C-alpha atoms as a PDB file:
ATOM      1  CA  MET A   1     -16.332 -48.918  40.210  1.00  0.00           C
ATOM      2  CA  ILE A   2     -18.922 -47.630  37.635  1.00  0.00           C
ATOM      3  CA  GLU A   3     -17.304 -46.436  34.367  1.00  0.00           C
ATOM      4  CA  ARG A   4     -19.915 -43.990  33.134  1.00  0.00           C
ATOM      5  CA  GLU A   5     -17.658 -42.494  30.446  1.00  0.00           C
ATOM      6  CA  ALA A   6     -16.984 -45.978  29.004  1.00  0.00           C
ATOM      7  CA  ILE A   7     -20.760 -46.420  28.758  1.00  0.00           C
ATOM      8  CA  LYS A   8     -21.089 -43.008  27.048  1.00  0.00           C
ATOM      9  CA  SER A   9     -18.389 -43.841  24.541  1.00  0.00           C
ATOM     10  CA  TRP A  10     -19.968 -47.099  23.741  1.00  0.00           C
ATOM     11  CA  VAL A  11     -23.326 -45.377  23.084  1.00  0.00           C
ATOM     12  CA  LYS A  12     -21.590 -42.796  20.848  1.00  0.00           C
ATOM     13  CA  ASP A  13     -20.169 -45.493  18.602  1.00  0.00           C
ATOM     14  CA  ARG A  14     -23.350 -47.504  18.567  1.00  0.00           C
ATOM     15  CA  MET A  15     -25.687 -44.606  17.438  1.00  0.00           C
ATOM     16  CA  GLN A  16     -23.455 -43.673  14.601  1.00  0.00           C
ATOM     17  CA  GLY A  17     -25.342 -46.167  12.343  1.00  0.00           C
ATOM     18  CA  THR A  18     -28.716 -44.611  13.007  1.00  0.00           C
ATOM     19  CA  ASP A  19     -30.550 -41.641  11.345  1.00  0.00           C
ATOM     20  CA  PRO A  20     -29.927 -38.032  12.276  1.00  0.00           C
ATOM     21  CA  GLY A  21     -33.042 -38.168  14.616  1.00  0.00           C
ATOM     22  CA  HIS A  22     -31.662 -40.813  16.677  1.00  0.00           C
ATOM     23  CA  ASP A  23     -27.955 -40.043  16.766  1.00  0.00           C
ATOM     24  CA  TRP A  24     -25.608 -39.136  19.581  1.00  0.00           C
ATOM     25  CA  ALA A  25     -26.945 -35.485  19.599  1.00  0.00           C
ATOM     26  CA  HIS A  26     -30.411 -36.866  20.239  1.00  0.00           C
ATOM     27  CA  VAL A  27     -29.209 -38.951  23.092  1.00  0.00           C
ATOM     28  CA  GLU A  28     -27.380 -36.090  24.622  1.00  0.00           C
ATOM     29  CA  ARG A  29     -30.547 -33.965  24.454  1.00  0.00           C
ATOM     30  CA  VAL A  30     -32.610 -36.646  26.079  1.00  0.00           C
ATOM     31  CA  TRP A  31     -30.000 -37.073  28.819  1.00  0.00           C
ATOM     32  CA  ARG A  32     -30.012 -33.334  29.487  1.00  0.00           C
ATOM     33  CA  ASN A  33     -33.841 -33.327  29.528  1.00  0.00           C
ATOM     34  CA  ALA A  34     -33.846 -36.229  32.053  1.00  0.00           C
ATOM     35  CA  MET A  35     -31.342 -34.342  34.285  1.00  0.00           C
ATOM     36  CA  LYS A  36     -33.592 -31.262  34.279  1.00  0.00           C
ATOM     37  CA  ILE A  37     -36.657 -33.227  35.163  1.00  0.00           C
ATOM     38  CA  LEU A  38     -34.654 -35.209  37.858  1.00  0.00           C
ATOM     39  CA  GLU A  39     -33.795 -31.864  39.562  1.00  0.00           C
ATOM     40  CA  LYS A  40     -37.559 -31.443  40.408  1.00  0.00           C
ATOM     41  CA  GLU A  41     -38.692 -35.041  40.581  1.00  0.00           C
ATOM     42  CA  LYS A  42     -37.459 -37.964  42.913  1.00  0.00           C
ATOM     43  CA  GLY A  43     -35.509 -40.858  41.300  1.00  0.00           C
ATOM     44  CA  ASP A  44     -32.312 -42.710  41.396  1.00  0.00           C
ATOM     45  CA  GLU A  45     -29.801 -40.434  39.459  1.00  0.00           C
ATOM     46  CA  GLU A  46     -27.676 -43.396  38.375  1.00  0.00           C
ATOM     47  CA  VAL A  47     -30.538 -45.285  36.927  1.00  0.00           C
ATOM     48  CA  VAL A  48     -32.110 -42.177  35.214  1.00  0.00           C
ATOM     49  CA  SER A  49     -28.621 -41.055  33.749  1.00  0.00           C
ATOM     50  CA  LEU A  50     -27.821 -44.544  32.402  1.00  0.00           C
ATOM     51  CA  ALA A  51     -31.329 -45.296  31.072  1.00  0.00           C
ATOM     52  CA  ALA A  52     -31.316 -41.969  29.348  1.00  0.00           C
ATOM     53  CA  LEU A  53     -28.020 -42.639  27.579  1.00  0.00           C
ATOM     54  CA  LEU A  54     -29.070 -46.249  26.636  1.00  0.00           C
ATOM     55  CA  HIS A  55     -32.629 -45.483  25.881  1.00  0.00           C
ATOM     56  CA  ASP A  56     -32.273 -46.103  22.045  1.00  0.00           C
ATOM     57  CA  ALA A  57     -29.447 -48.797  22.315  1.00  0.00           C
ATOM     58  CA  ALA A  58     -31.940 -51.622  21.680  1.00  0.00           C
ATOM     59  CA  ASP A  59     -34.386 -49.780  19.263  1.00  0.00           C
ATOM     60  CA  SER A  60     -35.882 -52.260  16.998  1.00  0.00           C
ATOM     61  CA  LYS A  61     -35.725 -49.651  14.074  1.00  0.00           C
ATOM     62  CA  PHE A  62     -31.926 -50.236  14.134  1.00  0.00           C
ATOM     63  CA  PHE A  63     -31.144 -53.394  16.104  1.00  0.00           C
ATOM     64  CA  VAL A  64     -32.354 -56.726  16.782  1.00  0.00           C
ATOM     65  CA  GLU A  65     -33.996 -56.001  20.028  1.00  0.00           C
ATOM     66  CA  ASP A  66     -33.392 -59.331  21.897  1.00  0.00           C
ATOM     67  CA  LYS A  67     -29.784 -59.322  20.934  1.00  0.00           C
ATOM     68  CA  ALA A  68     -29.208 -55.686  21.667  1.00  0.00           C
ATOM     69  CA  LEU A  69     -30.745 -56.084  25.169  1.00  0.00           C
ATOM     70  CA  VAL A  70     -28.209 -58.857  25.976  1.00  0.00           C
ATOM     71  CA  GLU A  71     -25.440 -56.528  24.691  1.00  0.00           C
ATOM     72  CA  VAL A  72     -26.664 -53.667  26.890  1.00  0.00           C
ATOM     73  CA  ARG A  73     -26.846 -55.984  29.926  1.00  0.00           C
ATOM     74  CA  GLU A  74     -23.250 -57.161  29.299  1.00  0.00           C
ATOM     75  CA  LEU A  75     -22.155 -53.546  29.041  1.00  0.00           C
ATOM     76  CA  LEU A  76     -23.779 -52.624  32.292  1.00  0.00           C
ATOM     77  CA  LYS A  77     -22.287 -55.615  34.110  1.00  0.00           C
ATOM     78  CA  THR A  78     -18.828 -54.997  32.611  1.00  0.00           C
ATOM     79  CA  ASN A  79     -19.039 -51.389  33.910  1.00  0.00           C
ATOM     80  CA  GLY A  80     -19.833 -52.076  37.496  1.00  0.00           C
ATOM     81  CA  ILE A  81     -23.630 -51.686  37.448  1.00  0.00           C
ATOM     82  CA  SER A  82     -25.406 -54.036  39.901  1.00  0.00           C
ATOM     83  CA  ASN A  83     -27.841 -56.735  38.642  1.00  0.00           C
ATOM     84  CA  ASP A  84     -30.877 -54.965  40.193  1.00  0.00           C
ATOM     85  CA  LYS A  85     -30.029 -51.620  38.580  1.00  0.00           C
ATOM     86  CA  ALA A  86     -29.321 -53.396  35.242  1.00  0.00           C
ATOM     87  CA  ASP A  87     -32.768 -55.008  35.398  1.00  0.00           C
ATOM     88  CA  HIS A  88     -34.413 -51.654  36.049  1.00  0.00           C
ATOM     89  CA  ILE A  89     -32.479 -49.872  33.195  1.00  0.00           C
ATOM     90  CA  LEU A  90     -33.390 -52.613  30.877  1.00  0.00           C
ATOM     91  CA  ASP A  91     -37.077 -52.358  31.861  1.00  0.00           C
ATOM     92  CA  ILE A  92     -36.985 -48.635  31.130  1.00  0.00           C
ATOM     93  CA  ILE A  93     -35.457 -48.905  27.795  1.00  0.00           C
ATOM     94  CA  THR A  94     -37.638 -51.833  26.803  1.00  0.00           C
ATOM     95  CA  HIS A  95     -40.822 -49.985  27.596  1.00  0.00           C
ATOM     96  CA  SER A  96     -40.305 -46.313  27.084  1.00  0.00           C
ATOM     97  CA  SER A  97     -41.034 -46.034  23.317  1.00  0.00           C
ATOM     98  CA  TYR A  98     -44.314 -44.366  22.192  1.00  0.00           C
ATOM     99  CA  SER A  99     -45.275 -47.524  20.073  1.00  0.00           C
ATOM    100  CA  LYS A 100     -44.881 -49.789  23.082  1.00  0.00           C
ATOM    101  CA  GLY A 101     -47.239 -47.662  24.970  1.00  0.00           C
ATOM    102  CA  LEU A 102     -50.039 -48.395  22.387  1.00  0.00           C
ATOM    103  CA  GLN A 103     -50.063 -51.813  23.819  1.00  0.00           C
ATOM    104  CA  GLY A 104     -50.854 -50.685  27.258  1.00  0.00           C
ATOM    105  CA  GLU A 105     -48.466 -49.826  30.217  1.00  0.00           C
ATOM    106  CA  GLN A 106     -46.359 -52.796  31.152  1.00  0.00           C
ATOM    107  CA  PHE A 107     -43.900 -51.238  33.513  1.00  0.00           C
ATOM    108  CA  ASP A 108     -43.731 -48.199  35.794  1.00  0.00           C
ATOM    109  CA  SER A 109     -41.303 -46.454  38.174  1.00  0.00           C
ATOM    110  CA  PRO A 110     -40.293 -42.957  38.942  1.00  0.00           C
ATOM    111  CA  GLU A 111     -37.106 -43.238  36.820  1.00  0.00           C
ATOM    112  CA  TYR A 112     -39.204 -44.768  33.918  1.00  0.00           C
ATOM    113  CA  ARG A 113     -41.416 -41.717  33.949  1.00  0.00           C
ATOM    114  CA  ILE A 114     -38.531 -39.272  33.943  1.00  0.00           C
ATOM    115  CA  VAL A 115     -36.670 -41.029  31.072  1.00  0.00           C
ATOM    116  CA  GLN A 116     -39.805 -41.396  28.949  1.00  0.00           C
ATOM    117  CA  ASP A 117     -40.808 -37.747  29.480  1.00  0.00           C
ATOM    118  CA  ALA A 118     -37.218 -36.677  28.569  1.00  0.00           C
ATOM    119  CA  ASP A 119     -37.405 -38.719  25.275  1.00  0.00           C
ATOM    120  CA  ARG A 120     -40.842 -37.373  24.457  1.00  0.00           C
ATOM    121  CA  LEU A 121     -39.781 -33.814  24.873  1.00  0.00           C
ATOM    122  CA  ASP A 122     -37.309 -34.293  22.050  1.00  0.00           C
ATOM    123  CA  ALA A 123     -40.089 -35.362  19.690  1.00  0.00           C
ATOM    124  CA  MET A 124     -41.744 -31.940  20.436  1.00  0.00           C
ATOM    125  CA  GLY A 125     -41.067 -28.273  19.498  1.00  0.00           C
ATOM    126  CA  ALA A 126     -38.551 -27.088  17.015  1.00  0.00           C
ATOM    127  CA  ILE A 127     -36.392 -30.174  17.314  1.00  0.00           C
ATOM    128  CA  GLY A 128     -39.365 -32.521  17.100  1.00  0.00           C
ATOM    129  CA  ILE A 129     -40.365 -30.889  13.882  1.00  0.00           C
ATOM    130  CA  ALA A 130     -36.843 -31.232  12.402  1.00  0.00           C
ATOM    131  CA  ARG A 131     -36.828 -34.907  13.485  1.00  0.00           C
ATOM    132  CA  ALA A 132     -40.259 -35.610  12.009  1.00  0.00           C
ATOM    133  CA  PHE A 133     -39.380 -34.235   8.552  1.00  0.00           C
ATOM    134  CA  THR A 134     -35.996 -35.869   8.559  1.00  0.00           C
ATOM    135  CA  TYR A 135     -37.444 -39.250   9.307  1.00  0.00           C
ATOM    136  CA  GLY A 136     -40.210 -38.635   6.659  1.00  0.00           C
ATOM    137  CA  ALA A 137     -37.553 -37.920   4.125  1.00  0.00           C
ATOM    138  CA  ILE A 138     -35.630 -41.049   4.939  1.00  0.00           C
ATOM    139  CA  LYS A 139     -38.877 -43.048   4.434  1.00  0.00           C
ATOM    140  CA  ASN A 140     -39.656 -41.074   1.256  1.00  0.00           C
ATOM    141  CA  ARG A 141     -42.911 -39.722   2.799  1.00  0.00           C
ATOM    142  CA  LEU A 142     -44.933 -36.849   1.481  1.00  0.00           C
ATOM    143  CA  PHE A 143     -44.823 -33.511   3.462  1.00  0.00           C
ATOM    144  CA  HIS A 144     -48.695 -33.420   3.209  1.00  0.00           C
ATOM    145  CA  ASP A 145     -51.692 -34.868   1.482  1.00  0.00           C
ATOM    146  CA  PRO A 146     -55.021 -33.242   2.325  1.00  0.00           C
ATOM    147  CA  GLU A 147     -56.760 -36.446   1.091  1.00  0.00           C
ATOM    148  CA  GLN A 148     -55.005 -38.679   3.686  1.00  0.00           C
ATOM    149  CA  LYS A 149     -56.527 -38.098   7.105  1.00  0.00           C
ATOM    150  CA  PRO A 150     -54.708 -38.756  10.434  1.00  0.00           C
ATOM    151  CA  GLN A 151     -55.430 -42.114  11.977  1.00  0.00           C
ATOM    152  CA  ASN A 152     -55.975 -43.167  15.675  1.00  0.00           C
ATOM    153  CA  PHE A 153     -53.644 -46.057  16.134  1.00  0.00           C
ATOM    154  CA  SER A 154     -54.560 -48.725  18.715  1.00  0.00           C
ATOM    155  CA  SER A 155     -51.750 -51.190  18.146  1.00  0.00           C
ATOM    156  CA  THR A 156     -47.980 -51.032  17.895  1.00  0.00           C
ATOM    157  CA  LYS A 157     -48.146 -53.077  14.641  1.00  0.00           C
ATOM    158  CA  ASP A 158     -50.529 -50.623  12.843  1.00  0.00           C
ATOM    159  CA  TYR A 159     -48.449 -47.667  14.025  1.00  0.00           C
ATOM    160  CA  LYS A 160     -45.175 -49.058  12.675  1.00  0.00           C
ATOM    161  CA  LYS A 161     -46.535 -50.022   9.317  1.00  0.00           C
ATOM    162  CA  SER A 162     -48.004 -46.520   8.628  1.00  0.00           C
ATOM    163  CA  SER A 163     -46.505 -44.637   5.675  1.00  0.00           C
ATOM    164  CA  ALA A 164     -48.600 -41.567   5.974  1.00  0.00           C
ATOM    165  CA  PRO A 165     -47.397 -38.019   5.257  1.00  0.00           C
ATOM    166  CA  THR A 166     -45.311 -36.326   7.876  1.00  0.00           C
ATOM    167  CA  ILE A 167     -47.901 -33.767   8.744  1.00  0.00           C
ATOM    168  CA  ASN A 168     -50.220 -36.576   9.764  1.00  0.00           C
ATOM    169  CA  HIS A 169     -47.610 -37.678  12.326  1.00  0.00           C
ATOM    170  CA  PHE A 170     -48.278 -34.405  14.300  1.00  0.00           C
ATOM    171  CA  TYR A 171     -51.896 -35.444  14.829  1.00  0.00           C
ATOM    172  CA  GLU A 172     -51.086 -39.178  15.456  1.00  0.00           C
ATOM    173  CA  LYS A 173     -48.260 -38.676  17.925  1.00  0.00           C
ATOM    174  CA  LEU A 174     -46.520 -35.241  18.342  1.00  0.00           C
ATOM    175  CA  LEU A 175     -49.613 -33.249  19.483  1.00  0.00           C
ATOM    176  CA  LEU A 176     -50.713 -35.995  21.852  1.00  0.00           C
ATOM    177  CA  LEU A 177     -47.499 -36.048  23.802  1.00  0.00           C
ATOM    178  CA  LYS A 178     -48.131 -33.059  26.082  1.00  0.00           C
ATOM    179  CA  ASP A 179     -51.122 -34.833  27.802  1.00  0.00           C
ATOM    180  CA  LEU A 180     -49.087 -38.070  28.026  1.00  0.00           C
ATOM    181  CA  MET A 181     -46.364 -36.669  30.171  1.00  0.00           C
ATOM    182  CA  LYS A 182     -45.968 -38.549  33.426  1.00  0.00           C
ATOM    183  CA  THR A 183     -44.143 -36.055  35.601  1.00  0.00           C
ATOM    184  CA  GLN A 184     -45.299 -32.531  36.652  1.00  0.00           C
ATOM    185  CA  THR A 185     -41.927 -31.106  35.434  1.00  0.00           C
ATOM    186  CA  GLY A 186     -42.277 -32.836  32.096  1.00  0.00           C
ATOM    187  CA  ARG A 187     -45.683 -31.396  31.654  1.00  0.00           C
ATOM    188  CA  LYS A 188     -44.498 -27.883  32.283  1.00  0.00           C
ATOM    189  CA  MET A 189     -41.557 -28.352  29.814  1.00  0.00           C
ATOM    190  CA  ALA A 190     -43.774 -29.774  27.253  1.00  0.00           C
ATOM    191  CA  GLU A 191     -46.229 -26.746  27.192  1.00  0.00           C
ATOM    192  CA  SER A 192     -44.141 -24.260  25.096  1.00  0.00           C
ATOM    193  CA  ARG A 193     -43.006 -26.909  22.678  1.00  0.00           C
ATOM    194  CA  HIS A 194     -46.627 -28.013  22.108  1.00  0.00           C
ATOM    195  CA  GLN A 195     -47.602 -24.421  21.519  1.00  0.00           C
ATOM    196  CA  PHE A 196     -44.754 -23.975  18.968  1.00  0.00           C
ATOM    197  CA  MET A 197     -45.954 -27.020  16.957  1.00  0.00           C
ATOM    198  CA  LYS A 198     -49.452 -25.657  16.808  1.00  0.00           C
ATOM    199  CA  ALA A 199     -48.129 -22.369  15.579  1.00  0.00           C
ATOM    200  CA  TYR A 200     -46.009 -24.124  13.073  1.00  0.00           C
ATOM    201  CA  LEU A 201     -48.932 -25.970  11.655  1.00  0.00           C
ATOM    202  CA  ASP A 202     -50.920 -22.712  11.306  1.00  0.00           C
ATOM    203  CA  GLN A 203     -48.094 -21.342   9.280  1.00  0.00           C
ATOM    204  CA  PHE A 204     -47.642 -24.482   7.185  1.00  0.00           C
ATOM    205  CA  TYR A 205     -51.319 -24.617   6.187  1.00  0.00           C
ATOM    206  CA  GLU A 206     -51.314 -20.773   5.317  1.00  0.00           C
ATOM    207  CA  GLU A 207     -48.388 -21.336   3.035  1.00  0.00           C
ATOM    208  CA  TRP A 208     -49.914 -24.612   1.619  1.00  0.00           C
ATOM    209  CA  GLY A 209     -52.922 -22.756   0.731  1.00  0.00           C
ATOM    210  CA  LYS A 210     -55.438 -24.712   2.765  1.00  0.00           C
END
């Protein structure tokens, strides 16, 4: 029998050591986004649900990825998930991050598209702005430096080593997400969040005195 509540409890405990932009509240929001998308798109509900819950459980920002993937596989096995579904879930959480996408697509499935869109939605809009500035503060980054222009990253390595101001992150990632959505439902959900970020930037520059 699948023990989804046990998996949920495990994720809650695990994500306590992360930052406020990747905590349990983030996981819950991504899960809710995924369930909303699944209402309109085709996909295996169990795979989508569990992959959404576990999507950051092996994130290299917080965990040793190879070791973490072994732990996630054991968790799934212990809680009644078949090997085939576990493989699918692990593929999703391994490939769904934005930085991995800079290396080119390495995996695809309807469930992967749903979970990736759900995660990207949480990087947009009012929540996305809050997360961006929170992470920037943790990394001691400037809000804005007009002399530092946004970059076009073509590799995961360059993206991860960037220490640019938080406003640059809007142009280097957040404003790009709307056109990277892989489901029709995700694209519709992204539109208002995208427009909110553009309006925020207009206000930011007005107050900054650009």
